[in-house]
Protein backbone atom coordinates (compact mmCIF):
# COMPACT_ATOMS: atom_id res chain seq x y z
CA MET A 1 30.57 126.53 40.81
CA LYS A 2 32.20 127.95 38.29
CA MET A 3 32.05 132.10 39.35
CA GLN A 4 33.66 130.12 42.68
CA ILE A 5 36.48 128.28 40.75
CA THR A 6 37.16 131.81 38.66
CA LEU A 7 37.28 134.24 41.67
CA ALA A 8 39.76 131.70 42.82
CA LEU A 9 41.92 131.66 39.98
CA LEU A 10 41.59 135.42 39.91
CA LEU A 11 42.87 135.77 43.75
CA LEU A 12 45.45 133.51 43.23
CA MET A 13 46.42 134.76 40.31
CA ALA A 14 46.36 138.66 41.80
CA SER A 15 48.24 136.81 45.33
CA THR A 16 51.16 135.85 43.39
CA LEU A 17 52.34 138.72 41.34
CA ALA A 18 53.79 140.03 45.24
CA TYR A 19 56.18 136.34 45.02
CA SER A 20 59.31 136.29 43.03
CA GLY A 21 59.18 132.42 42.61
CA THR A 22 59.37 130.33 39.37
CA TRP A 23 56.69 129.23 36.89
CA ILE A 24 56.68 125.33 35.12
CA LYS A 25 54.47 126.20 32.96
CA ASP A 26 52.15 123.75 30.37
CA THR A 27 52.36 120.49 32.54
CA LYS A 28 49.91 118.01 33.79
CA ILE A 29 49.29 117.31 37.89
CA VAL A 30 49.85 113.35 37.63
CA ASP A 31 49.04 112.85 41.53
CA VAL A 32 47.57 114.58 44.31
CA ARG A 33 47.92 114.03 47.72
CA TRP A 34 47.48 115.33 51.56
CA TYR A 35 48.87 113.95 55.12
CA ASN A 36 47.20 114.27 58.25
CA SER A 37 50.38 115.79 59.31
CA ASP A 38 47.99 118.84 57.11
CA ALA A 39 50.75 118.48 54.61
CA GLY A 40 50.71 117.58 50.82
CA PHE A 41 51.95 117.49 47.47
CA ILE A 42 51.11 117.65 44.09
CA THR A 43 53.03 115.93 41.81
CA THR A 44 53.53 117.14 38.23
CA ALA A 45 54.78 115.69 35.37
CA ASP A 46 57.43 118.12 35.07
CA THR A 47 60.23 116.48 36.99
CA SER A 48 62.38 120.19 37.11
CA ASN A 49 62.96 121.01 40.24
CA PRO A 50 64.00 125.17 39.99
CA GLU A 51 63.90 126.53 43.29
CA CYS A 52 65.76 123.30 45.12
CA SER A 53 69.72 123.45 43.51
CA GLY A 54 71.12 120.64 43.78
CA ALA A 55 68.85 118.32 44.85
CA SER A 56 67.39 115.27 42.21
CA LEU A 57 64.91 116.11 40.24
CA ASN A 58 61.02 114.99 41.09
CA GLY A 59 57.79 116.37 40.08
CA ASN A 60 56.80 116.43 43.91
CA ARG A 61 55.51 119.99 45.35
CA TYR A 62 55.19 120.82 48.32
CA LEU A 63 52.46 123.27 50.48
CA ASN A 64 50.56 122.84 53.94
CA SER A 65 47.47 124.52 55.48
CA SER A 66 49.69 127.28 55.97
CA THR A 67 50.57 128.42 52.96
CA LEU A 68 47.76 130.75 52.07
CA GLY A 69 44.53 129.25 49.75
CA SER A 70 46.77 125.37 49.87
CA ASP A 71 42.64 124.09 50.20
CA LYS A 72 41.78 126.20 47.02
CA MET A 73 45.61 125.29 45.36
CA ILE A 74 44.52 121.13 45.83
CA SER A 75 41.67 121.72 44.97
CA LEU A 76 42.45 123.05 41.20
CA ALA A 77 45.09 120.78 40.57
CA LEU A 78 42.69 117.67 41.64
CA ALA A 79 40.09 119.01 38.95
CA ALA A 80 42.91 119.44 36.50
CA MET A 81 44.30 115.82 37.27
CA MET A 82 40.17 114.63 36.62
CA ALA A 83 39.87 117.21 33.49
CA ASP A 84 43.47 115.94 32.30
CA LYS A 85 43.88 119.74 31.56
CA SER A 86 47.62 121.22 31.81
CA VAL A 87 48.50 123.81 34.33
CA GLU A 88 51.02 126.29 35.38
CA ILE A 89 52.58 125.76 38.74
CA LEU A 90 54.10 128.37 40.57
CA VAL A 91 56.89 127.55 43.07
CA ASP A 92 59.72 129.31 45.85
CA GLN A 93 61.47 128.21 48.33
CA CYS A 94 62.65 124.54 48.83
CA TYR A 95 61.08 122.52 51.51
CA ASN A 96 63.43 119.45 53.20
CA ASN A 97 65.85 120.63 50.55
CA LYS A 98 64.35 118.55 48.17
CA HIS A 99 60.86 119.54 47.12
CA SER A 100 59.88 122.97 45.55
CA LYS A 101 56.65 124.31 47.55
CA ILE A 102 54.00 125.43 45.47
CA THR A 103 52.65 129.40 45.82
CA GLY A 104 50.29 129.06 42.84
CA VAL A 105 47.97 127.00 40.18
CA ILE A 106 46.58 128.50 36.85
CA VAL A 107 44.64 125.72 34.85
CA LYS A 108 45.18 126.24 31.41
CA SER A 109 42.04 126.13 29.39
CA GLN A 110 43.78 123.54 26.89
């Protein structure tokens, strides 16, 4: 299991190198939601909204099943929240003019 999580993390890190975007660093996951519409949100303690200029501040980060690796990112976020670990979230673009879209998740060891 540890090997699978490490491999998933490495693949996500490698895939995010090709993307532009903004890193939200050293924050905590406070909520993980997934809906039957095949989309969900990862809510962070950091409420900045770097990819949605002009939108109100909120910590809801959007992703859906068409986002590559969405199942792995939701799993990493849930594990980080349960273990009370800090994370770094890569966001790129804006969903519905109010939520940053997630393209990467890194769980910090400390």
